[in-house]
Amino acid sequence: MITVKLFGIMRIESGIKELTLDVPNVKELYKAICAQTDRITEKELTGCMVLINGVQGNKRSKLQDGDVVTLMSPVAGG
């Protein structure tokens, strides 16, 4: 199982702080998250920074049992 932690706007919009899912890669992870809530889209998730066990990943990254995936929405300011 994969532990998924959402931060920033993704956490606020989805209402999800943490999930446990069984998925083989980040692309499938996005689909599984969208199935949990109708408040965020797969397109929004692809704009997030992906960290897998603290190392940057992307939507093609493979996942293994026990991985912790952190999704952080982009931040803008000025």
Protein backbone atom coordinates (compact mmCIF):
# COMPACT_ATOMS: atom_id res chain seq x y z
CA MET A 1 0.00 0.00 0.00
CA ILE A 2 1.06 3.55 -0.76
CA THR A 3 0.56 6.40 1.70
CA VAL A 4 -0.43 9.65 -0.01
CA LYS A 5 -0.20 13.01 1.73
CA LEU A 6 -1.76 16.14 0.22
CA PHE A 7 -0.60 19.66 1.06
CA GLY A 8 -1.55 23.20 0.11
CA ILE A 9 -4.51 23.95 -2.13
CA MET A 10 -4.93 20.25 -2.99
CA ARG A 11 -5.62 19.45 0.68
CA ILE A 12 -7.99 22.39 1.05
CA GLU A 13 -9.93 21.73 -2.17
CA SER A 14 -10.15 17.95 -1.78
CA GLY A 15 -10.69 17.81 1.96
CA ILE A 16 -8.19 14.94 1.99
CA LYS A 17 -5.16 15.04 4.28
CA GLU A 18 -3.92 11.47 3.79
CA LEU A 19 -4.94 8.34 1.87
CA THR A 20 -3.74 4.78 1.64
CA LEU A 21 -3.98 3.33 -1.88
CA ASP A 22 -2.75 0.35 -3.85
CA VAL A 23 -1.51 1.71 -7.21
CA PRO A 24 1.53 0.86 -9.40
CA ASN A 25 2.53 4.38 -10.49
CA VAL A 26 1.86 8.07 -10.01
CA LYS A 27 -0.43 8.34 -13.04
CA GLU A 28 -2.74 5.70 -11.56
CA LEU A 29 -2.43 7.45 -8.20
CA TYR A 30 -3.91 10.61 -9.74
CA LYS A 31 -6.87 8.61 -11.06
CA ALA A 32 -7.41 6.97 -7.67
CA ILE A 33 -7.36 10.33 -5.87
CA CYS A 34 -9.89 11.79 -8.34
CA ALA A 35 -12.13 8.77 -7.69
CA GLN A 36 -12.11 9.71 -3.97
CA THR A 37 -13.32 13.29 -4.53
CA ASP A 38 -15.00 15.32 -7.25
CA ARG A 39 -13.39 18.53 -6.01
CA ILE A 40 -10.07 18.19 -7.87
CA THR A 41 -9.15 17.02 -11.36
CA GLU A 42 -6.35 14.92 -12.73
CA LYS A 43 -5.10 18.02 -14.58
CA GLU A 44 -4.79 19.88 -11.27
CA LEU A 45 -2.87 16.98 -9.76
CA THR A 46 -0.39 16.89 -12.66
CA GLY A 47 0.58 20.46 -11.75
CA CYS A 48 1.65 19.40 -8.26
CA MET A 49 5.16 18.68 -7.09
CA VAL A 50 5.49 14.94 -6.45
CA LEU A 51 7.83 13.61 -3.78
CA ILE A 52 8.26 9.86 -3.37
CA ASN A 53 9.95 9.07 -0.06
CA GLY A 54 11.31 12.64 -0.13
CA VAL A 55 12.75 12.42 -3.68
CA GLN A 56 11.17 14.30 -6.56
CA GLY A 57 9.18 12.13 -8.96
CA ASN A 58 6.75 12.60 -11.85
CA LYS A 59 3.60 11.02 -13.29
CA ARG A 60 5.64 8.19 -14.85
CA SER A 61 7.30 7.23 -11.57
CA LYS A 62 6.66 3.67 -10.38
CA LEU A 63 5.54 3.05 -6.83
CA GLN A 64 6.32 0.24 -4.42
CA ASP A 65 4.59 -1.07 -1.34
CA GLY A 66 5.42 1.18 1.61
CA ASP A 67 6.20 4.31 -0.44
CA VAL A 68 5.07 7.67 0.90
CA VAL A 69 3.97 10.08 -1.82
CA THR A 70 3.64 13.76 -1.01
CA LEU A 71 1.72 16.01 -3.38
CA MET A 72 2.22 19.76 -2.99
CA SER A 73 0.35 22.30 -5.05
CA PRO A 74 2.42 25.02 -6.75
CA VAL A 75 2.73 28.28 -4.86
CA ALA A 76 2.74 31.74 -6.41
CA GLY A 77 3.31 35.00 -4.70
CA GLY A 78 4.54 38.45 -5.19
